[in-house]
Structure formats: structure tokens, C-alpha cells
Protein backbone atom coordinates (compact mmCIF):
# COMPACT_ATOMS: atom_id res chain seq x y z
CA MET A 1 -0.01 0.01 0.01
CA ASN A 2 1.56 3.28 -1.01
CA GLU A 3 1.75 6.46 1.04
CA ASN A 4 -0.68 8.40 -1.22
CA TYR A 5 -3.37 5.76 -0.83
CA ILE A 6 -2.90 5.77 2.95
CA ASN A 7 -3.19 9.55 3.18
CA GLU A 8 -6.11 9.88 0.73
CA ASN A 9 -8.16 7.22 2.55
CA ASN A 10 -7.25 8.33 6.07
CA ILE A 11 -5.76 4.93 6.95
CA ASP A 12 -3.91 4.50 10.23
CA SER A 13 -0.81 2.71 8.92
CA GLU A 14 0.46 2.01 12.44
CA HIS A 15 -2.78 0.39 13.63
CA ARG A 16 -2.94 -2.95 11.86
CA ILE A 17 -3.31 -6.70 12.39
CA GLU A 18 -1.08 -9.08 10.50
CA SER A 19 -1.40 -12.83 10.17
CA VAL A 20 -0.35 -15.65 7.87
CA ILE A 21 -3.12 -17.86 6.54
CA ASN A 22 -2.18 -20.80 4.30
CA ASP A 23 1.15 -19.24 3.31
CA CYS A 24 -0.55 -15.87 2.53
CA LYS A 25 0.33 -12.80 4.57
CA VAL A 26 -2.88 -10.93 5.47
CA THR A 27 -2.77 -7.37 6.81
CA ILE A 28 -5.84 -5.51 8.03
CA TYR A 29 -5.45 -1.75 8.35
CA PHE A 30 -7.73 0.46 10.38
CA SER A 31 -9.20 3.79 9.39
CA LYS A 32 -8.56 6.94 11.40
CA ASN A 33 -12.28 7.70 11.00
CA ARG A 34 -14.16 5.63 13.52
CA ASN A 35 -17.35 3.99 12.30
CA LEU A 36 -19.35 2.57 15.22
CA GLN A 37 -21.60 0.40 13.02
CA VAL A 38 -18.61 -1.29 11.34
CA GLU A 39 -16.89 -1.67 14.70
CA ARG A 40 -19.94 -3.34 16.17
CA ASN A 41 -20.32 -5.70 13.19
CA VAL A 42 -16.69 -6.76 13.39
CA LEU A 43 -16.84 -7.36 17.13
CA GLU A 44 -20.09 -9.34 16.82
CA ASN A 45 -18.54 -11.52 14.09
CA LEU A 46 -15.41 -12.11 16.21
CA LEU A 47 -17.53 -13.08 19.18
CA TYR A 48 -19.70 -15.41 17.04
CA THR A 49 -16.59 -17.11 15.62
CA PHE A 50 -15.03 -17.43 19.05
CA GLU A 51 -18.22 -18.95 20.49
CA ASN A 52 -18.42 -21.48 17.65
CA ARG A 53 -14.79 -22.52 18.12
CA MET A 54 -15.34 -22.97 21.86
CA LYS A 55 -18.48 -25.02 21.28
CA SER A 56 -16.70 -27.33 18.85
CA GLN A 57 -13.76 -27.78 21.25
CA ILE A 58 -15.94 -28.72 24.23
CA GLY A 59 -18.51 -30.63 22.17
CA CYS A 60 -21.62 -28.57 22.88
């Protein structure tokens, strides 16, 4: 991602999550403009995924 794109789209280049999934490096960047609806949706999805993983591990 180049510097112009980061500045034009108000991306917080220092606030990111990086992971490797099946030999692919994935980077998620966050916007400097907070969007509460998006934040809530992401957190709900993370919680849902976490709950499903826990249920499968304990057999519920």
C-alpha cells in the first residue's frame, strides 16, 4: 500500500493486524475515522466465531 493511498483514505498505517493464513500474509489496516456500526459488526462476528470454536472444542 503506497503512502498516497494511505493519506487519501485516512488509513492509520500504524494500527494494523497481521497474520499468515495458508502461506498468505494478510494485513488488516484500520481507518482513522471511527465507524461505530462497522466496529460493532466486526466485534459481533469475532464473538460469534469465538463462540463457535469454543463449542466445537468442548463438544456442545
